[in-house]
């Protein structure tokens, strides 16, 4: 996704690096720059703003989720979003796409038939974690467990 965003002319020299053979500069936004994710997020949000505002498109960096109640509705939304993206110059990696599925894992959660639940991989990671033995490990465990806070009643009280 990032490499689809052209850099402003004055920014190109700032991306330069040297190898033993040559000097290179990016002409498109590379991964690894501190601001690349937020710049990409702003551009993709601006591109898909109308769809996002309709409430049937979710976007997190280069993960785009289309929500529909029927196959026909999904096909129509897919057409509209694909047209918007291609018109804006974005290309789509079809190998990374799933179309018209009834269940999808998105940002570590499984979304299916109007329900959201934690990813089985996240549950397994928590279940297989070793009991913390020091303050640093307690903080790490709470960071992992915090992912589940929306699924655990009175999470804040239980972890205080």
N, C-alpha and C. Protein backbone atom coordinates (compact mmCIF):
# COMPACT_ATOMS: atom_id res chain seq x y z
N UNK A 1 0.78 -1.19 0.00
CA UNK A 1 0.00 0.00 0.00
C UNK A 1 0.83 1.27 0.00
N UNK A 2 1.83 1.35 0.89
CA UNK A 2 2.59 2.60 1.03
C UNK A 2 3.23 3.00 -0.29
N UNK A 3 3.76 2.03 -1.02
CA UNK A 3 4.50 2.33 -2.26
C UNK A 3 3.59 2.88 -3.36
N UNK A 4 2.32 2.94 -3.13
CA UNK A 4 1.40 3.52 -4.11
C UNK A 4 1.30 5.04 -3.97
N UNK A 5 1.87 5.59 -2.91
CA UNK A 5 1.76 7.02 -2.63
C UNK A 5 3.02 7.72 -3.13
N UNK A 6 2.90 8.58 -4.15
CA UNK A 6 4.09 9.31 -4.62
C UNK A 6 4.54 10.34 -3.58
N UNK A 7 5.86 10.50 -3.47
CA UNK A 7 6.41 11.51 -2.57
C UNK A 7 6.41 12.87 -3.25
N UNK A 8 6.27 13.91 -2.46
CA UNK A 8 6.44 15.26 -2.99
C UNK A 8 7.90 15.42 -3.40
N UNK A 9 8.13 16.17 -4.44
CA UNK A 9 9.47 16.34 -5.00
C UNK A 9 10.49 16.76 -3.93
N UNK A 10 10.09 17.68 -3.06
CA UNK A 10 11.03 18.17 -2.05
C UNK A 10 11.33 17.14 -0.95
N UNK A 11 10.53 16.09 -0.86
CA UNK A 11 10.75 15.05 0.14
C UNK A 11 11.67 13.93 -0.35
N UNK A 12 11.79 13.78 -1.64
CA UNK A 12 12.56 12.67 -2.22
C UNK A 12 14.00 12.64 -1.69
N UNK A 13 14.74 13.76 -1.67
CA UNK A 13 16.12 13.70 -1.17
C UNK A 13 16.22 13.26 0.29
N UNK A 14 15.17 13.46 1.06
CA UNK A 14 15.18 13.07 2.48
C UNK A 14 15.16 11.56 2.67
N UNK A 15 14.83 10.81 1.63
CA UNK A 15 14.75 9.35 1.74
C UNK A 15 16.01 8.68 1.21
N UNK A 16 17.02 9.46 0.88
CA UNK A 16 18.22 8.91 0.26
C UNK A 16 18.99 7.96 1.17
N UNK A 17 19.64 6.99 0.55
CA UNK A 17 20.55 6.09 1.25
C UNK A 17 21.63 5.65 0.27
N UNK A 18 22.75 5.20 0.82
CA UNK A 18 23.91 4.87 -0.01
C UNK A 18 24.26 3.41 0.20
N UNK A 19 24.58 2.74 -0.91
CA UNK A 19 25.14 1.39 -0.87
C UNK A 19 26.58 1.51 -1.37
N UNK A 20 27.36 0.45 -1.27
CA UNK A 20 28.73 0.55 -1.79
C UNK A 20 28.78 0.90 -3.28
N UNK A 21 27.73 0.62 -4.01
CA UNK A 21 27.73 0.87 -5.45
C UNK A 21 27.09 2.19 -5.86
N UNK A 22 26.06 2.65 -5.10
CA UNK A 22 25.26 3.74 -5.64
C UNK A 22 24.48 4.47 -4.53
N UNK A 23 23.96 5.62 -4.89
CA UNK A 23 23.07 6.41 -4.03
C UNK A 23 21.65 6.23 -4.57
N UNK A 24 20.69 5.95 -3.66
CA UNK A 24 19.30 5.75 -4.06
C UNK A 24 18.41 6.71 -3.29
N UNK A 25 17.28 7.04 -3.90
CA UNK A 25 16.24 7.83 -3.25
C UNK A 25 14.89 7.26 -3.63
N UNK A 26 13.99 7.21 -2.66
CA UNK A 26 12.63 6.76 -2.94
C UNK A 26 11.87 7.86 -3.68
N UNK A 27 11.04 7.47 -4.62
CA UNK A 27 10.13 8.41 -5.27
C UNK A 27 8.70 8.15 -4.82
N UNK A 28 8.50 7.03 -4.12
CA UNK A 28 7.21 6.68 -3.54
C UNK A 28 7.42 6.42 -2.06
N UNK A 29 6.37 6.56 -1.28
CA UNK A 29 6.48 6.46 0.16
C UNK A 29 6.94 5.06 0.59
N UNK A 30 8.07 4.98 1.28
CA UNK A 30 8.56 3.68 1.72
C UNK A 30 7.97 3.26 3.07
N UNK A 31 8.06 1.97 3.34
CA UNK A 31 7.78 1.48 4.68
C UNK A 31 8.92 1.95 5.57
N UNK A 32 8.65 2.10 6.83
CA UNK A 32 9.72 2.38 7.77
C UNK A 32 9.88 3.84 8.16
N UNK A 33 9.37 4.77 7.39
CA UNK A 33 9.42 6.16 7.82
C UNK A 33 8.41 6.36 8.94
N UNK A 34 8.77 7.17 9.92
CA UNK A 34 7.90 7.35 11.09
C UNK A 34 6.49 7.80 10.71
N UNK A 35 6.37 8.64 9.70
CA UNK A 35 5.06 9.18 9.35
C UNK A 35 4.33 8.40 8.27
N UNK A 36 4.95 7.39 7.68
CA UNK A 36 4.30 6.65 6.59
C UNK A 36 2.92 6.11 6.96
N UNK A 37 2.77 5.43 8.10
CA UNK A 37 1.44 4.88 8.40
C UNK A 37 0.35 5.95 8.52
N UNK A 38 0.64 7.06 9.19
CA UNK A 38 -0.40 8.07 9.38
C UNK A 38 -0.70 8.79 8.07
N UNK A 39 0.31 9.00 7.25
CA UNK A 39 0.08 9.64 5.95
C UNK A 39 -0.79 8.72 5.09
N UNK A 40 -0.45 7.43 5.07
CA UNK A 40 -1.24 6.48 4.28
C UNK A 40 -2.67 6.43 4.80
N UNK A 41 -2.83 6.37 6.13
CA UNK A 41 -4.17 6.30 6.72
C UNK A 41 -5.00 7.52 6.32
N UNK A 42 -4.39 8.70 6.35
CA UNK A 42 -5.11 9.92 5.97
C UNK A 42 -5.54 9.86 4.51
N UNK A 43 -4.65 9.41 3.64
CA UNK A 43 -4.96 9.37 2.21
C UNK A 43 -6.05 8.34 1.92
N UNK A 44 -5.97 7.16 2.51
CA UNK A 44 -6.98 6.12 2.25
C UNK A 44 -8.32 6.54 2.86
N UNK A 45 -8.29 7.18 4.04
CA UNK A 45 -9.53 7.69 4.64
C UNK A 45 -10.17 8.74 3.76
N UNK A 46 -9.36 9.66 3.25
CA UNK A 46 -9.90 10.70 2.36
C UNK A 46 -10.48 10.08 1.09
N UNK A 47 -9.79 9.07 0.56
CA UNK A 47 -10.25 8.42 -0.66
C UNK A 47 -11.59 7.72 -0.45
N UNK A 48 -11.74 7.05 0.68
CA UNK A 48 -12.94 6.25 0.94
C UNK A 48 -13.94 6.96 1.87
N UNK A 49 -13.74 8.26 2.09
CA UNK A 49 -14.55 9.01 3.05
C UNK A 49 -16.05 8.79 2.89
N UNK A 50 -16.57 8.90 1.67
CA UNK A 50 -18.02 8.75 1.47
C UNK A 50 -18.50 7.37 1.89
N UNK A 51 -17.74 6.33 1.56
CA UNK A 51 -18.11 4.96 1.93
C UNK A 51 -18.02 4.77 3.45
N UNK A 52 -16.97 5.32 4.05
CA UNK A 52 -16.80 5.22 5.51
C UNK A 52 -17.97 5.90 6.21
N UNK A 53 -18.34 7.08 5.73
CA UNK A 53 -19.45 7.83 6.35
C UNK A 53 -20.78 7.12 6.22
N UNK A 54 -20.94 6.29 5.19
CA UNK A 54 -22.17 5.51 5.04
C UNK A 54 -22.23 4.37 6.05
N UNK A 55 -21.11 4.06 6.70
CA UNK A 55 -21.08 3.06 7.76
C UNK A 55 -20.91 1.63 7.30
N UNK A 56 -20.58 1.42 6.03
CA UNK A 56 -20.43 0.05 5.56
C UNK A 56 -19.01 -0.27 5.11
N UNK A 57 -18.06 0.62 5.41
CA UNK A 57 -16.65 0.38 5.10
C UNK A 57 -15.82 0.76 6.31
N UNK A 58 -14.94 -0.15 6.72
CA UNK A 58 -13.99 0.10 7.80
C UNK A 58 -12.59 0.06 7.20
N UNK A 59 -11.73 0.97 7.64
CA UNK A 59 -10.37 1.03 7.10
C UNK A 59 -9.38 1.18 8.23
N UNK A 60 -8.37 0.32 8.24
CA UNK A 60 -7.23 0.48 9.14
C UNK A 60 -5.99 0.28 8.29
N UNK A 61 -5.30 1.36 8.00
CA UNK A 61 -4.15 1.40 7.12
C UNK A 61 -4.52 0.73 5.80
N UNK A 62 -3.95 -0.45 5.50
CA UNK A 62 -4.28 -1.07 4.21
C UNK A 62 -5.25 -2.24 4.34
N UNK A 63 -5.90 -2.36 5.48
CA UNK A 63 -6.95 -3.37 5.67
C UNK A 63 -8.31 -2.69 5.51
N UNK A 64 -9.01 -3.05 4.46
CA UNK A 64 -10.32 -2.46 4.16
C UNK A 64 -11.37 -3.55 4.29
N UNK A 65 -12.40 -3.30 5.08
CA UNK A 65 -13.47 -4.26 5.30
C UNK A 65 -14.78 -3.66 4.82
N UNK A 66 -15.47 -4.40 3.95
CA UNK A 66 -16.78 -3.97 3.44
C UNK A 66 -17.85 -4.79 4.15
N UNK A 67 -18.87 -4.13 4.64
CA UNK A 67 -19.94 -4.79 5.39
C UNK A 67 -21.24 -4.73 4.60
N UNK A 68 -21.88 -5.88 4.47
CA UNK A 68 -23.17 -5.92 3.77
C UNK A 68 -24.04 -7.01 4.38
N UNK A 69 -25.34 -6.90 4.15
CA UNK A 69 -26.29 -7.88 4.66
C UNK A 69 -26.62 -8.97 3.66
N UNK A 70 -26.45 -8.68 2.37
CA UNK A 70 -26.78 -9.65 1.33
C UNK A 70 -25.64 -9.73 0.33
N UNK A 71 -25.62 -10.80 -0.45
CA UNK A 71 -24.62 -10.96 -1.50
C UNK A 71 -24.74 -9.83 -2.51
N UNK A 72 -25.96 -9.52 -2.94
CA UNK A 72 -26.16 -8.46 -3.93
C UNK A 72 -25.66 -7.12 -3.41
N UNK A 73 -25.98 -6.82 -2.16
CA UNK A 73 -25.52 -5.59 -1.54
C UNK A 73 -23.98 -5.57 -1.48
N UNK A 74 -23.40 -6.71 -1.16
CA UNK A 74 -21.94 -6.82 -1.10
C UNK A 74 -21.28 -6.61 -2.45
N UNK A 75 -21.87 -7.18 -3.50
CA UNK A 75 -21.33 -7.02 -4.85
C UNK A 75 -21.40 -5.55 -5.27
N UNK A 76 -22.51 -4.91 -5.01
CA UNK A 76 -22.66 -3.50 -5.38
C UNK A 76 -21.67 -2.61 -4.62
N UNK A 77 -21.52 -2.86 -3.33
CA UNK A 77 -20.57 -2.09 -2.53
C UNK A 77 -19.14 -2.34 -3.02
N UNK A 78 -18.83 -3.59 -3.32
CA UNK A 78 -17.50 -3.92 -3.84
C UNK A 78 -17.21 -3.17 -5.13
N UNK A 79 -18.17 -3.13 -6.03
CA UNK A 79 -18.00 -2.38 -7.29
C UNK A 79 -17.70 -0.91 -7.02
N UNK A 80 -18.49 -0.31 -6.13
CA UNK A 80 -18.31 1.11 -5.83
C UNK A 80 -16.94 1.39 -5.21
N UNK A 81 -16.56 0.57 -4.23
CA UNK A 81 -15.28 0.78 -3.55
C UNK A 81 -14.11 0.54 -4.49
N UNK A 82 -14.19 -0.52 -5.30
CA UNK A 82 -13.11 -0.80 -6.26
C UNK A 82 -12.97 0.35 -7.25
N UNK A 83 -14.09 0.89 -7.71
CA UNK A 83 -14.04 2.01 -8.64
C UNK A 83 -13.40 3.22 -7.98
N UNK A 84 -13.78 3.49 -6.74
CA UNK A 84 -13.20 4.62 -6.01
C UNK A 84 -11.70 4.45 -5.85
N UNK A 85 -11.26 3.26 -5.46
CA UNK A 85 -9.84 3.01 -5.26
C UNK A 85 -9.04 3.10 -6.56
N UNK A 86 -9.54 2.47 -7.61
CA UNK A 86 -8.80 2.49 -8.88
C UNK A 86 -8.78 3.90 -9.48
N UNK A 87 -9.87 4.64 -9.34
CA UNK A 87 -9.90 6.02 -9.83
C UNK A 87 -8.85 6.87 -9.10
N UNK A 88 -8.64 6.58 -7.82
CA UNK A 88 -7.65 7.32 -7.02
C UNK A 88 -6.23 6.81 -7.24
N UNK A 89 -6.07 5.77 -8.07
CA UNK A 89 -4.74 5.28 -8.38
C UNK A 89 -4.24 4.14 -7.52
N UNK A 90 -5.11 3.58 -6.69
CA UNK A 90 -4.71 2.44 -5.86
C UNK A 90 -4.85 1.16 -6.66
N UNK A 91 -3.92 0.24 -6.44
CA UNK A 91 -4.07 -1.09 -7.02
C UNK A 91 -4.38 -2.05 -5.88
N UNK A 92 -4.97 -3.16 -6.22
CA UNK A 92 -5.43 -4.14 -5.23
C UNK A 92 -4.65 -5.43 -5.44
N UNK A 93 -4.14 -6.02 -4.35
CA UNK A 93 -3.49 -7.32 -4.41
C UNK A 93 -4.56 -8.38 -4.17
N UNK A 94 -5.05 -8.97 -5.24
CA UNK A 94 -6.16 -9.92 -5.13
C UNK A 94 -5.82 -11.14 -4.29
N UNK A 95 -4.55 -11.51 -4.21
CA UNK A 95 -4.16 -12.67 -3.39
C UNK A 95 -4.38 -12.41 -1.90
N UNK A 96 -4.43 -11.15 -1.52
CA UNK A 96 -4.65 -10.80 -0.11
C UNK A 96 -6.11 -10.50 0.20
N UNK A 97 -6.98 -10.67 -0.78
CA UNK A 97 -8.39 -10.32 -0.62
C UNK A 97 -9.26 -11.54 -0.39
N UNK A 98 -10.33 -11.33 0.33
CA UNK A 98 -11.41 -12.31 0.45
C UNK A 98 -12.69 -11.57 0.07
N UNK A 99 -13.50 -12.19 -0.76
CA UNK A 99 -14.70 -11.53 -1.24
C UNK A 99 -15.95 -12.31 -0.83
N UNK A 100 -16.97 -11.59 -0.40
CA UNK A 100 -18.29 -12.14 -0.12
C UNK A 100 -18.23 -13.33 0.84
N UNK A 101 -17.48 -13.17 1.92
CA UNK A 101 -17.39 -14.21 2.93
C UNK A 101 -18.35 -13.88 4.08
N UNK A 102 -18.77 -14.89 4.80
CA UNK A 102 -19.68 -14.68 5.92
C UNK A 102 -18.93 -14.56 7.24
N UNK A 103 -17.62 -14.85 7.22
CA UNK A 103 -16.80 -14.72 8.42
C UNK A 103 -15.42 -14.24 8.00
N UNK A 104 -14.89 -13.29 8.77
CA UNK A 104 -13.57 -12.74 8.44
C UNK A 104 -12.85 -12.37 9.72
N UNK A 105 -11.54 -12.55 9.72
CA UNK A 105 -10.73 -12.06 10.83
C UNK A 105 -10.21 -10.69 10.44
N UNK A 106 -10.49 -9.70 11.27
CA UNK A 106 -10.12 -8.31 10.98
C UNK A 106 -9.57 -7.69 12.25
N UNK A 107 -8.33 -7.27 12.19
CA UNK A 107 -7.67 -6.62 13.32
C UNK A 107 -7.74 -7.48 14.58
N UNK A 108 -7.52 -8.77 14.44
CA UNK A 108 -7.48 -9.66 15.59
C UNK A 108 -8.83 -10.07 16.15
N UNK A 109 -9.89 -9.76 15.42
CA UNK A 109 -11.23 -10.16 15.86
C UNK A 109 -11.91 -10.91 14.72
N UNK A 110 -12.76 -11.85 15.08
CA UNK A 110 -13.53 -12.59 14.09
C UNK A 110 -14.91 -11.95 14.01
N UNK A 111 -15.28 -11.54 12.80
CA UNK A 111 -16.59 -10.92 12.57
C UNK A 111 -17.41 -11.89 11.75
N UNK A 112 -18.59 -12.24 12.26
CA UNK A 112 -19.43 -13.22 11.59
C UNK A 112 -20.89 -13.00 11.99
N UNK A 113 -21.75 -12.86 11.00
CA UNK A 113 -23.19 -12.76 11.20
C UNK A 113 -23.57 -11.76 12.30
N UNK A 114 -22.98 -10.58 12.22
CA UNK A 114 -23.31 -9.51 13.15
C UNK A 114 -22.68 -9.63 14.52
N UNK A 115 -21.82 -10.61 14.71
CA UNK A 115 -21.16 -10.79 16.00
C UNK A 115 -19.66 -10.55 15.86
N UNK A 116 -19.05 -10.10 16.94
CA UNK A 116 -17.61 -9.90 16.99
C UNK A 116 -17.09 -10.68 18.18
N UNK A 117 -16.06 -11.49 17.95
CA UNK A 117 -15.46 -12.26 19.04
C UNK A 117 -13.94 -12.25 18.87
N UNK A 118 -13.21 -12.55 19.93
CA UNK A 118 -11.75 -12.53 19.81
C UNK A 118 -11.25 -13.63 18.88
N UNK A 119 -10.14 -13.36 18.25
CA UNK A 119 -9.51 -14.35 17.40
C UNK A 119 -9.07 -15.55 18.23
N UNK A 120 -9.29 -16.76 17.75
CA UNK A 120 -8.82 -17.94 18.49
C UNK A 120 -7.31 -17.90 18.74
N UNK A 121 -6.55 -17.29 17.84
CA UNK A 121 -5.10 -17.18 18.04
C UNK A 121 -4.77 -16.30 19.24
N UNK A 122 -5.55 -15.23 19.44
CA UNK A 122 -5.34 -14.35 20.59
C UNK A 122 -5.70 -15.08 21.89
N UNK A 123 -6.79 -15.83 21.86
CA UNK A 123 -7.21 -16.60 23.04
C UNK A 123 -6.13 -17.62 23.38
N UNK A 124 -5.62 -18.30 22.37
CA UNK A 124 -4.58 -19.31 22.58
C UNK A 124 -3.31 -18.68 23.15
N UNK A 125 -2.93 -17.52 22.64
CA UNK A 125 -1.73 -16.83 23.15
C UNK A 125 -1.89 -16.49 24.62
N UNK A 126 -3.07 -16.04 25.02
CA UNK A 126 -3.31 -15.72 26.42
C UNK A 126 -3.32 -16.99 27.27
N UNK A 127 -4.00 -18.02 26.79
CA UNK A 127 -4.10 -19.27 27.54
C UNK A 127 -2.73 -19.93 27.72
N UNK A 128 -1.86 -19.77 26.74
CA UNK A 128 -0.54 -20.42 26.79
C UNK A 128 0.54 -19.55 27.42
N UNK A 129 0.18 -18.35 27.85
CA UNK A 129 1.19 -17.47 28.45
C UNK A 129 1.55 -17.98 29.84
N UNK A 130 2.81 -17.83 30.18
CA UNK A 130 3.29 -18.25 31.50
C UNK A 130 2.85 -17.24 32.55
N UNK A 131 2.62 -17.70 33.78
CA UNK A 131 2.27 -16.75 34.84
C UNK A 131 3.39 -15.73 35.02
N UNK A 132 3.05 -14.47 35.18
CA UNK A 132 4.09 -13.45 35.34
C UNK A 132 4.85 -13.64 36.65
N UNK A 133 6.16 -13.34 36.60
CA UNK A 133 7.00 -13.52 37.78
C UNK A 133 7.60 -12.22 38.30
N UNK A 134 7.40 -11.13 37.57
CA UNK A 134 7.93 -9.84 38.02
C UNK A 134 7.03 -8.73 37.47
N UNK A 135 7.33 -7.51 37.87
CA UNK A 135 6.48 -6.38 37.48
C UNK A 135 6.44 -6.22 35.96
N UNK A 136 7.58 -6.35 35.31
CA UNK A 136 7.62 -6.20 33.86
C UNK A 136 6.71 -7.23 33.19
N UNK A 137 6.77 -8.47 33.66
CA UNK A 137 5.94 -9.53 33.08
C UNK A 137 4.46 -9.32 33.38
N UNK A 138 4.14 -8.76 34.55
CA UNK A 138 2.74 -8.44 34.87
C UNK A 138 2.23 -7.41 33.87
N UNK A 139 3.04 -6.39 33.59
CA UNK A 139 2.64 -5.37 32.62
C UNK A 139 2.44 -5.98 31.23
N UNK A 140 3.35 -6.88 30.84
CA UNK A 140 3.20 -7.53 29.54
C UNK A 140 1.92 -8.36 29.49
N UNK A 141 1.65 -9.09 30.57
CA UNK A 141 0.44 -9.92 30.62
C UNK A 141 -0.81 -9.04 30.55
N UNK A 142 -0.82 -7.94 31.29
CA UNK A 142 -1.98 -7.05 31.27
C UNK A 142 -2.16 -6.41 29.89
N UNK A 143 -1.06 -6.17 29.20
CA UNK A 143 -1.16 -5.67 27.83
C UNK A 143 -1.84 -6.67 26.92
N UNK A 144 -1.46 -7.94 27.05
CA UNK A 144 -2.09 -9.00 26.26
C UNK A 144 -3.54 -9.20 26.69
N UNK A 145 -3.77 -9.24 28.00
CA UNK A 145 -5.13 -9.45 28.50
C UNK A 145 -6.03 -8.27 28.18
N UNK A 146 -5.46 -7.07 28.09
CA UNK A 146 -6.24 -5.88 27.79
C UNK A 146 -6.98 -5.98 26.46
N UNK A 147 -6.44 -6.76 25.56
CA UNK A 147 -7.10 -6.99 24.27
C UNK A 147 -8.51 -7.54 24.49
N UNK A 148 -8.70 -8.32 25.56
CA UNK A 148 -9.97 -8.99 25.83
C UNK A 148 -10.92 -8.17 26.70
N UNK A 149 -10.54 -6.96 27.08
CA UNK A 149 -11.33 -6.20 28.05
C UNK A 149 -12.79 -6.03 27.65
N UNK A 150 -13.06 -5.91 26.37
CA UNK A 150 -14.47 -5.72 25.97
C UNK A 150 -15.28 -7.02 26.09
N UNK A 151 -14.59 -8.13 26.28
CA UNK A 151 -15.27 -9.43 26.40
C UNK A 151 -15.34 -9.91 27.84
N UNK A 152 -14.69 -9.19 28.76
CA UNK A 152 -14.64 -9.61 30.17
C UNK A 152 -15.39 -8.59 31.02
N UNK A 153 -16.47 -9.06 31.65
CA UNK A 153 -17.27 -8.18 32.50
C UNK A 153 -16.40 -7.69 33.66
N UNK A 154 -16.49 -6.40 33.94
CA UNK A 154 -15.76 -5.77 35.04
C UNK A 154 -14.24 -5.95 34.91
N UNK A 155 -13.75 -5.89 33.69
CA UNK A 155 -12.31 -6.09 33.44
C UNK A 155 -11.46 -5.15 34.28
N UNK A 156 -11.82 -3.87 34.33
CA UNK A 156 -11.02 -2.89 35.06
C UNK A 156 -10.92 -3.24 36.54
N UNK A 157 -12.01 -3.68 37.12
CA UNK A 157 -12.01 -4.06 38.54
C UNK A 157 -11.14 -5.30 38.76
N UNK A 158 -11.25 -6.26 37.86
CA UNK A 158 -10.51 -7.51 38.01
C UNK A 158 -9.01 -7.34 37.81
N UNK A 159 -8.60 -6.32 37.09
CA UNK A 159 -7.17 -6.15 36.82
C UNK A 159 -6.55 -5.02 37.64
N UNK A 160 -7.33 -4.40 38.51
CA UNK A 160 -6.80 -3.28 39.31
C UNK A 160 -5.84 -3.76 40.38
